Protein backbone atom coordinates (compact mmCIF):
# COMPACT_ATOMS: atom_id res chain seq x y z
CA UNK A 1 174.34 186.02 46.77
CA UNK A 2 172.36 188.56 48.77
CA UNK A 3 169.45 190.29 47.10
CA UNK A 4 168.19 193.62 48.37
CA UNK A 5 164.63 194.88 48.23
CA UNK A 6 165.85 198.50 48.17
CA UNK A 7 165.75 198.72 44.38
CA UNK A 8 162.00 197.91 44.18
CA UNK A 9 159.35 200.52 43.48
CA UNK A 10 157.12 201.31 46.48
CA UNK A 11 154.26 199.22 45.09
CA UNK A 12 156.52 196.26 44.30
CA UNK A 13 158.12 196.54 47.74
CA UNK A 14 154.73 196.37 49.44
CA UNK A 15 153.75 193.41 47.23
CA UNK A 16 156.96 191.65 48.28
CA UNK A 17 156.14 192.38 51.93
CA UNK A 18 152.65 190.88 51.66
CA UNK A 19 154.02 187.86 49.81
CA UNK A 20 156.72 187.42 52.46
CA UNK A 21 154.15 187.35 55.25
CA UNK A 22 152.19 184.56 53.58
CA UNK A 23 155.22 182.56 52.44
CA UNK A 24 156.61 182.50 55.99
CA UNK A 25 153.32 181.58 57.68
CA UNK A 26 153.16 177.89 58.63
CA UNK A 27 149.33 177.62 58.48
CA UNK A 28 149.34 179.04 54.94
CA UNK A 29 152.14 176.69 53.88
CA UNK A 30 150.13 173.80 55.29
CA UNK A 31 146.95 174.93 53.53
CA UNK A 32 148.65 175.26 50.17
CA UNK A 33 150.44 171.93 50.53
CA UNK A 34 147.10 170.16 50.98
CA UNK A 35 145.38 171.47 47.83
CA UNK A 36 145.87 170.82 44.15
CA UNK A 37 146.66 173.92 42.07
CA UNK A 38 147.59 175.64 45.32
CA UNK A 39 150.11 177.95 43.63
CA UNK A 40 147.32 179.69 41.74
CA UNK A 41 145.18 180.05 44.86
CA UNK A 42 148.16 181.17 46.96
CA UNK A 43 148.94 183.93 44.46
CA UNK A 44 145.28 184.95 44.46
CA UNK A 45 145.19 185.13 48.29
CA UNK A 46 148.26 187.38 48.31
CA UNK A 47 146.80 189.60 45.56
CA UNK A 48 143.36 189.90 47.14
CA UNK A 49 144.93 190.77 50.51
CA UNK A 50 147.05 193.47 48.91
CA UNK A 51 144.00 194.80 47.04
CA UNK A 52 141.97 194.82 50.26
CA UNK A 53 144.59 196.98 51.96
CA UNK A 54 144.77 199.40 49.02
CA UNK A 55 140.98 199.71 48.76
CA UNK A 56 140.53 200.11 52.52
CA UNK A 57 143.53 202.33 53.12
CA UNK A 58 142.28 203.40 56.55
CA UNK A 59 142.26 199.84 57.91
CA UNK A 60 144.28 199.62 61.10
CA UNK A 61 142.86 196.63 62.95
CA UNK A 62 145.09 193.57 62.58
CA UNK A 63 142.51 191.35 64.28
CA UNK A 64 139.85 192.33 61.75
CA UNK A 65 142.24 191.69 58.86
CA UNK A 66 143.25 188.36 60.43
CA UNK A 67 139.60 187.30 60.69
CA UNK A 68 139.07 188.24 57.04
CA UNK A 69 142.08 186.13 56.01
CA UNK A 70 140.74 183.31 58.20
CA UNK A 71 137.47 183.44 56.27
CA UNK A 72 139.40 183.10 53.02
CA UNK A 73 141.30 180.06 54.33
CA UNK A 74 138.02 178.60 55.54
CA UNK A 75 136.31 179.02 52.16
CA UNK A 76 139.22 178.31 49.82
CA UNK A 77 141.06 175.58 51.75
CA UNK A 78 138.46 174.21 54.20
CA UNK A 79 140.92 175.16 56.93
CA UNK A 80 140.13 176.65 60.32
CA UNK A 81 143.11 178.32 61.99
CA UNK A 82 142.94 178.31 65.80
CA UNK A 83 146.61 178.76 66.70
CA UNK A 84 146.49 182.53 67.19
CA UNK A 85 148.52 183.18 64.06
CA UNK A 86 145.69 184.98 62.24
CA UNK A 87 145.99 187.95 64.58
CA UNK A 88 149.78 187.91 64.25
CA UNK A 89 149.56 187.83 60.45
CA UNK A 90 146.94 190.60 60.43
CA UNK A 91 149.07 192.78 62.70
CA UNK A 92 152.20 192.17 60.64
CA UNK A 93 150.38 193.10 57.44
CA UNK A 94 148.95 196.25 59.06
CA UNK A 95 152.44 197.18 60.26
CA UNK A 96 153.85 196.80 56.73
CA UNK A 97 150.87 198.72 55.32
CA UNK A 98 151.52 201.64 57.68
CA UNK A 99 155.20 201.64 56.74
CA UNK A 100 154.20 201.75 53.06
CA UNK A 101 151.68 204.54 53.64
CA UNK A 102 154.11 206.69 55.65
CA UNK A 103 156.88 206.18 53.08
CA UNK A 104 159.16 204.22 55.46
CA UNK A 105 160.28 202.19 52.48
CA UNK A 106 163.95 201.85 53.43
CA UNK A 107 162.93 200.41 56.80
CA UNK A 108 160.49 198.02 55.11
CA UNK A 109 163.16 196.92 52.62
CA UNK A 110 165.60 196.28 55.48
CA UNK A 111 163.03 194.14 57.30
CA UNK A 112 162.42 192.07 54.17
CA UNK A 113 166.16 191.72 53.54
CA UNK A 114 166.61 190.51 57.14
CA UNK A 115 163.76 188.01 56.79
CA UNK A 116 165.29 186.71 53.56
CA UNK A 117 168.63 186.23 55.32
CA UNK A 118 166.95 184.41 58.22
CA UNK A 119 164.96 182.13 55.90
CA UNK A 120 168.03 181.22 53.84
CA UNK A 121 169.83 180.01 56.97
CA UNK A 122 166.97 177.81 58.19
CA UNK A 123 166.79 174.23 57.02
CA UNK A 124 163.18 173.39 56.31
CA UNK A 125 162.03 169.82 56.92
CA UNK A 126 160.99 167.80 53.92
CA UNK A 127 157.41 166.69 53.47
CA UNK A 128 156.69 163.25 54.85
CA UNK A 129 155.80 160.71 52.20
CA UNK A 130 152.71 158.83 53.36
CA UNK A 131 152.41 156.64 50.28
CA UNK A 132 153.97 153.18 50.23
CA UNK A 133 156.78 152.80 47.74
CA UNK A 134 158.84 149.79 46.80
CA UNK A 135 161.36 151.64 44.67
CA UNK A 136 164.96 150.76 45.55
CA UNK A 137 166.14 154.22 44.45
CA UNK A 138 163.84 155.91 46.91
CA UNK A 139 164.92 153.54 49.65
CA UNK A 140 168.57 154.37 49.08
CA UNK A 141 167.74 158.10 49.09
CA UNK A 142 165.95 157.69 52.42
CA UNK A 143 169.01 155.97 53.89
CA UNK A 144 171.19 158.95 52.99
CA UNK A 145 168.92 161.42 54.77
CA UNK A 146 169.79 162.68 58.23
CA UNK A 147 166.86 161.28 60.18
CA UNK A 148 167.98 162.65 63.55
CA UNK A 149 167.03 166.21 62.61
CA UNK A 150 163.58 165.30 61.33
CA UNK A 151 160.99 163.07 62.91
CA UNK A 152 160.14 160.05 60.82
CA UNK A 153 156.67 158.57 60.61
CA UNK A 154 157.42 156.27 63.56
CA UNK A 155 158.55 159.24 65.68
CA UNK A 156 155.34 161.23 65.16
CA UNK A 157 152.56 160.54 67.63
CA UNK A 158 149.19 159.45 66.33
CA UNK A 159 147.61 162.71 67.57
CA UNK A 160 150.15 164.76 65.57
CA UNK A 161 149.61 162.58 62.51
CA UNK A 162 145.82 162.88 62.85
CA UNK A 163 145.95 166.67 63.19
CA UNK A 164 146.30 167.05 59.42
CA UNK A 165 143.51 164.64 58.59
CA UNK A 166 140.18 166.26 57.72
CA UNK A 167 137.34 165.66 60.18
CA UNK A 168 134.07 164.03 59.11
CA UNK A 169 132.90 167.30 57.52
CA UNK A 170 136.12 167.65 55.50
CA UNK A 171 137.60 170.49 57.61
CA UNK A 172 141.16 170.70 58.85
CA UNK A 173 141.86 172.70 62.00
CA UNK A 174 145.27 174.18 62.77
CA UNK A 175 145.76 174.36 66.53
CA UNK A 176 148.50 175.76 68.70
CA UNK A 177 151.16 173.20 69.60
CA UNK A 178 151.34 172.30 73.25
CA UNK A 179 154.77 172.45 74.88
CA UNK A 180 156.08 169.02 75.70
């Protein structure tokens, strides 16, 4: 079943665009997965970003917007993003904002429809369970999983495993992956 964004009002279409940017951003997914009640905070981040764009309708600097979003992640999630994605996210949001402002709504809807199609064809890895469990049901479920497509705990290097552990001050830093 394919859903189209073309039927949405301009305001709802822009809201869907902003939400799409955050929901497809790996650093944001990581941040929300590490915090309790993250759904509430994630919705707030999307809403406050949308409000910022509406209230500052002449904003056109994606880097500035990215830095502002980085400050929010820093304060709300104790997360410092150093992988270059803040600028990309800021630029993408500015691009969608300009499309909204210039009434290029059909083009924006098509982009969102395309993203939705791409996301539905991608198999996302499951979250690694770091807690010990002795349940036989869980063990049998693990045996049925295709482990070749996803790295298991033994296949992840200690540096990768430690990258999601807070430092002594409680901060988590997202860094750009190095090509192997």
